[in-house]
Amino acid sequence: MQHTTEPIACIFDLDGVLVDTAVYHYKAWKQLANSLGFDFTEAQNEQLKGVNRMRSLDMILQWGGIEKSSAEKDVLAAAKNEQYVAMIQKMTVAEVLPGALDLLTALQAKGIKIALGSASKNSSLILERTELAHFFDAIVDGNSVSTSKPDPEVFLKAAELLGAEKENSVVFEDALAGVQAAIAADMMVVGIGKAENLPGAQVVINDLSEITISEIEALRTR
């Protein structure tokens, strides 16, 4: 890859990478499904990783064999979000995932640009509650993009705001849709989770405590 002398830029997904909000999404969607007369499993919740709210609702209604009008879907999505926001209001720094704080601190100390690239429309609230907001030079989330992952828009916009070349941008993702989006953007990808769930990622780790800045920079030579 070119531009090896240029500094890298790091773009982080939020849910499942920096903080653990999956449990809150699960509880809120489960509550919604139960109110409609069917159940929603953790395995199904896994399939919603990286998927935006309305697409997630469509998938859940399909699993439940239920059809709703567009207006009814808007009401259901708003109800789910209300439940979810009530839960994340109580989030604390304790819910920052292992290694995230140390890595963000080290990147910032080295002057490496950091952006958020998330499908979440509640990212500002989550970053505020977990005291991570000050690390980010740019935030691109569900409020500022028109297409969701695996479309690369969120990561391309983040790199643009950082003034970073895409070949010098490293994405940190825990969802297949996110890895696919990073690949479509021609960026390097660090996968968080199990390798079999994240094909295409150059490196797969369990959490951010398992990677160093020098290892991130070395991705360009792969």
Protein backbone atom coordinates (compact mmCIF):
# COMPACT_ATOMS: atom_id res chain seq x y z
CA MET A 1 0.00 0.00 0.00
CA GLN A 2 1.06 3.57 -0.61
CA HIS A 3 1.32 6.53 1.77
CA THR A 4 3.22 4.60 4.44
CA THR A 5 4.83 7.84 5.62
CA GLU A 6 1.43 9.44 6.20
CA PRO A 7 -0.02 9.03 9.70
CA ILE A 8 -2.76 6.49 10.13
CA ALA A 9 -6.28 7.47 11.13
CA CYS A 10 -8.49 5.25 13.26
CA ILE A 11 -12.25 4.90 12.79
CA PHE A 12 -14.18 3.08 15.49
CA ASP A 13 -17.60 1.53 15.42
CA LEU A 14 -19.34 2.13 18.76
CA ASP A 15 -21.61 -0.73 19.83
CA GLY A 16 -19.60 -3.86 20.60
CA VAL A 17 -16.24 -2.18 19.94
CA LEU A 18 -15.93 0.66 22.45
CA VAL A 19 -18.99 0.06 24.62
CA ASP A 20 -21.35 -2.81 25.24
CA THR A 21 -24.83 -1.66 24.26
CA ALA A 22 -25.91 -4.90 22.59
CA VAL A 23 -27.64 -6.06 25.77
CA TYR A 24 -29.81 -2.91 25.78
CA HIS A 25 -30.75 -3.28 22.11
CA TYR A 26 -31.62 -6.90 22.83
CA LYS A 27 -33.81 -6.07 25.82
CA ALA A 28 -35.63 -3.27 23.97
CA TRP A 29 -36.26 -5.36 20.83
CA LYS A 30 -37.32 -8.35 22.93
CA GLN A 31 -39.80 -6.20 24.81
CA LEU A 32 -41.22 -4.98 21.50
CA ALA A 33 -41.46 -8.51 20.04
CA ASN A 34 -43.14 -9.80 23.20
CA SER A 35 -45.67 -6.95 23.07
CA LEU A 36 -46.54 -8.11 19.53
CA GLY A 37 -47.03 -11.70 20.71
CA PHE A 38 -43.80 -13.46 19.72
CA ASP A 39 -40.31 -14.00 21.11
CA PHE A 40 -36.93 -12.67 20.02
CA THR A 41 -33.74 -14.64 20.66
CA GLU A 42 -30.13 -13.67 21.30
CA ALA A 43 -29.16 -15.50 18.09
CA GLN A 44 -31.53 -13.24 16.15
CA ASN A 45 -30.09 -10.22 17.97
CA GLU A 46 -26.64 -11.20 16.62
CA GLN A 47 -27.99 -10.81 13.09
CA LEU A 48 -28.93 -7.20 13.84
CA LYS A 49 -25.35 -6.14 14.59
CA GLY A 50 -24.45 -3.09 12.53
CA VAL A 51 -27.96 -2.90 11.04
CA ASN A 52 -29.92 0.34 11.36
CA ARG A 53 -33.14 0.68 13.35
CA MET A 54 -35.74 0.46 10.57
CA ARG A 55 -34.05 -2.46 8.82
CA SER A 56 -33.78 -4.23 12.21
CA LEU A 57 -37.51 -3.70 12.78
CA ASP A 58 -38.31 -5.13 9.33
CA MET A 59 -36.27 -8.25 10.12
CA ILE A 60 -37.96 -8.72 13.51
CA LEU A 61 -41.47 -8.31 12.07
CA GLN A 62 -40.57 -10.84 9.38
CA TRP A 63 -39.39 -13.33 12.02
CA GLY A 64 -42.66 -12.81 13.87
CA GLY A 65 -44.70 -13.19 10.68
CA ILE A 66 -46.27 -9.78 11.22
CA GLU A 67 -47.01 -7.10 8.65
CA LYS A 68 -47.30 -3.43 9.57
CA SER A 69 -47.87 -0.26 7.60
CA SER A 70 -45.11 2.30 7.22
CA ALA A 71 -46.79 4.57 9.79
CA GLU A 72 -47.17 1.68 12.26
CA LYS A 73 -43.49 0.81 11.81
CA ASP A 74 -42.51 4.40 12.65
CA VAL A 75 -44.49 4.15 15.90
CA LEU A 76 -42.91 0.78 16.81
CA ALA A 77 -39.36 2.00 16.03
CA ALA A 78 -39.91 5.10 18.16
CA ALA A 79 -41.24 2.98 21.05
CA LYS A 80 -38.21 0.69 20.87
CA ASN A 81 -35.85 3.67 20.82
CA GLU A 82 -37.58 5.23 23.82
CA GLN A 83 -37.00 2.03 25.82
CA TYR A 84 -33.39 1.83 24.64
CA VAL A 85 -32.61 5.47 25.44
CA ALA A 86 -34.11 5.09 28.93
CA MET A 87 -31.66 2.21 29.52
CA ILE A 88 -28.55 3.89 28.08
CA GLN A 89 -29.25 7.03 30.13
CA LYS A 90 -27.97 4.96 33.05
CA MET A 91 -24.74 3.89 31.33
CA THR A 92 -21.43 4.65 33.06
CA VAL A 93 -17.71 4.43 32.30
CA ALA A 94 -17.90 0.89 33.70
CA GLU A 95 -19.48 -0.19 30.42
CA VAL A 96 -16.51 0.82 28.28
CA LEU A 97 -15.13 -2.44 26.85
CA PRO A 98 -11.69 -3.81 27.83
CA GLY A 99 -8.75 -2.01 26.23
CA ALA A 100 -10.84 0.77 24.67
CA LEU A 101 -9.86 3.52 27.09
CA ASP A 102 -6.15 2.60 27.00
CA LEU A 103 -6.04 2.44 23.20
CA LEU A 104 -7.92 5.72 22.70
CA THR A 105 -5.65 7.41 25.26
CA ALA A 106 -2.51 6.10 23.51
CA LEU A 107 -3.75 7.12 20.05
CA GLN A 108 -4.63 10.60 21.24
CA ALA A 109 -1.28 11.00 23.01
CA LYS A 110 0.48 10.12 19.75
CA GLY A 111 -1.57 12.66 17.81
CA ILE A 112 -3.35 10.02 15.73
CA LYS A 113 -6.72 11.22 14.41
CA ILE A 114 -9.76 9.35 15.74
CA ALA A 115 -13.29 9.20 14.35
CA LEU A 116 -16.49 7.42 15.21
CA GLY A 117 -18.23 5.53 12.39
CA SER A 118 -21.45 4.14 13.83
CA ALA A 119 -25.01 3.30 12.75
CA SER A 120 -26.23 4.49 16.16
CA LYS A 121 -28.45 7.55 16.32
CA ASN A 122 -27.74 7.79 20.05
CA SER A 123 -23.94 7.93 19.83
CA SER A 124 -23.62 11.39 21.40
CA LEU A 125 -25.55 10.31 24.49
CA ILE A 126 -23.55 7.08 24.80
CA LEU A 127 -20.18 8.86 24.42
CA GLU A 128 -21.24 11.43 26.99
CA ARG A 129 -22.44 8.84 29.53
CA THR A 130 -19.25 6.75 29.13
CA GLU A 131 -16.98 9.85 29.12
CA LEU A 132 -15.39 9.01 25.75
CA ALA A 133 -16.57 12.02 23.71
CA HIS A 134 -13.33 14.02 24.11
CA PHE A 135 -11.28 11.43 22.22
CA PHE A 136 -13.00 12.00 18.88
CA ASP A 137 -11.88 14.42 16.18
CA ALA A 138 -14.97 13.54 14.09
CA ILE A 139 -18.25 11.77 14.67
CA VAL A 140 -20.25 10.15 11.88
CA ASP A 141 -23.33 8.27 13.02
CA GLY A 142 -26.86 7.33 12.03
CA ASN A 143 -27.87 10.98 12.11
CA SER A 144 -25.38 12.02 9.44
CA VAL A 145 -25.49 9.24 6.81
CA SER A 146 -28.23 8.22 4.39
CA THR A 147 -27.15 4.61 3.83
CA SER A 148 -26.26 2.00 6.43
CA LYS A 149 -23.44 -0.55 6.45
CA PRO A 150 -22.38 -2.54 4.40
CA ASP A 151 -22.48 0.66 2.35
CA PRO A 152 -19.11 2.42 2.94
CA GLU A 153 -20.61 5.94 3.32
CA VAL A 154 -20.11 6.16 7.10
CA PHE A 155 -16.37 5.33 6.88
CA LEU A 156 -15.67 7.43 3.77
CA LYS A 157 -17.30 10.42 5.45
CA ALA A 158 -15.30 9.83 8.65
CA ALA A 159 -11.99 9.71 6.72
CA GLU A 160 -12.96 12.85 4.84
CA LEU A 161 -13.68 14.72 8.08
CA LEU A 162 -10.31 13.60 9.47
CA GLY A 163 -8.53 14.62 6.25
CA ALA A 164 -7.22 11.05 5.99
CA GLU A 165 -6.47 8.96 2.91
CA LYS A 166 -8.61 5.83 2.81
CA GLU A 167 -5.52 3.62 2.47
CA ASN A 168 -4.24 5.06 5.76
CA SER A 169 -7.53 4.54 7.57
CA VAL A 170 -8.02 1.62 9.96
CA VAL A 171 -11.56 0.60 10.89
CA PHE A 172 -12.41 -1.25 14.11
CA GLU A 173 -15.59 -3.32 13.71
CA ASP A 174 -17.46 -6.16 15.41
CA ALA A 175 -20.14 -6.71 12.74
CA LEU A 176 -19.89 -8.41 9.36
CA ALA A 177 -21.81 -5.52 7.74
CA GLY A 178 -19.19 -3.14 9.16
CA VAL A 179 -16.24 -5.21 7.93
CA GLN A 180 -17.85 -5.32 4.48
CA ALA A 181 -18.34 -1.54 4.58
CA ALA A 182 -14.68 -0.98 5.46
CA ILE A 183 -13.54 -3.29 2.65
CA ALA A 184 -15.84 -1.46 0.22
CA ALA A 185 -14.19 1.78 1.37
CA ASP A 186 -10.71 0.30 0.62
CA MET A 187 -9.69 0.60 4.26
CA MET A 188 -7.85 -1.71 6.62
CA VAL A 189 -10.02 -3.58 9.12
CA VAL A 190 -9.47 -4.87 12.64
CA GLY A 191 -12.28 -7.25 13.57
CA ILE A 192 -13.49 -7.58 17.16
CA GLY A 193 -15.00 -10.99 17.88
CA LYS A 194 -14.68 -14.41 16.24
CA ALA A 195 -12.76 -14.76 12.96
CA GLU A 196 -15.43 -16.95 11.37
CA ASN A 197 -17.98 -14.16 11.82
CA LEU A 198 -15.70 -11.45 10.35
CA PRO A 199 -14.28 -12.68 7.02
CA GLY A 200 -12.11 -10.08 5.32
CA ALA A 201 -10.70 -8.46 8.45
CA GLN A 202 -6.88 -8.34 8.37
CA VAL A 203 -6.65 -9.02 12.09
CA VAL A 204 -9.26 -10.37 14.48
CA ILE A 205 -8.99 -9.79 18.24
CA ASN A 206 -11.27 -10.43 21.22
CA ASP A 207 -11.11 -6.84 22.42
CA LEU A 208 -9.01 -3.68 22.05
CA SER A 209 -6.59 -4.71 24.80
CA GLU A 210 -5.11 -7.18 22.30
CA ILE A 211 -3.69 -4.66 19.83
CA THR A 212 -0.98 -1.97 20.00
CA ILE A 213 -0.40 1.17 17.94
CA SER A 214 2.65 -0.41 16.27
CA GLU A 215 0.53 -3.43 15.27
CA ILE A 216 -2.13 -1.10 13.86
CA GLU A 217 0.48 0.81 11.86
CA ALA A 218 1.97 -2.48 10.62
CA LEU A 219 -1.35 -3.35 8.91
CA ARG A 220 -0.29 -1.16 5.97
CA THR A 221 2.53 -3.53 5.10
CA ARG A 222 0.27 -6.59 4.89
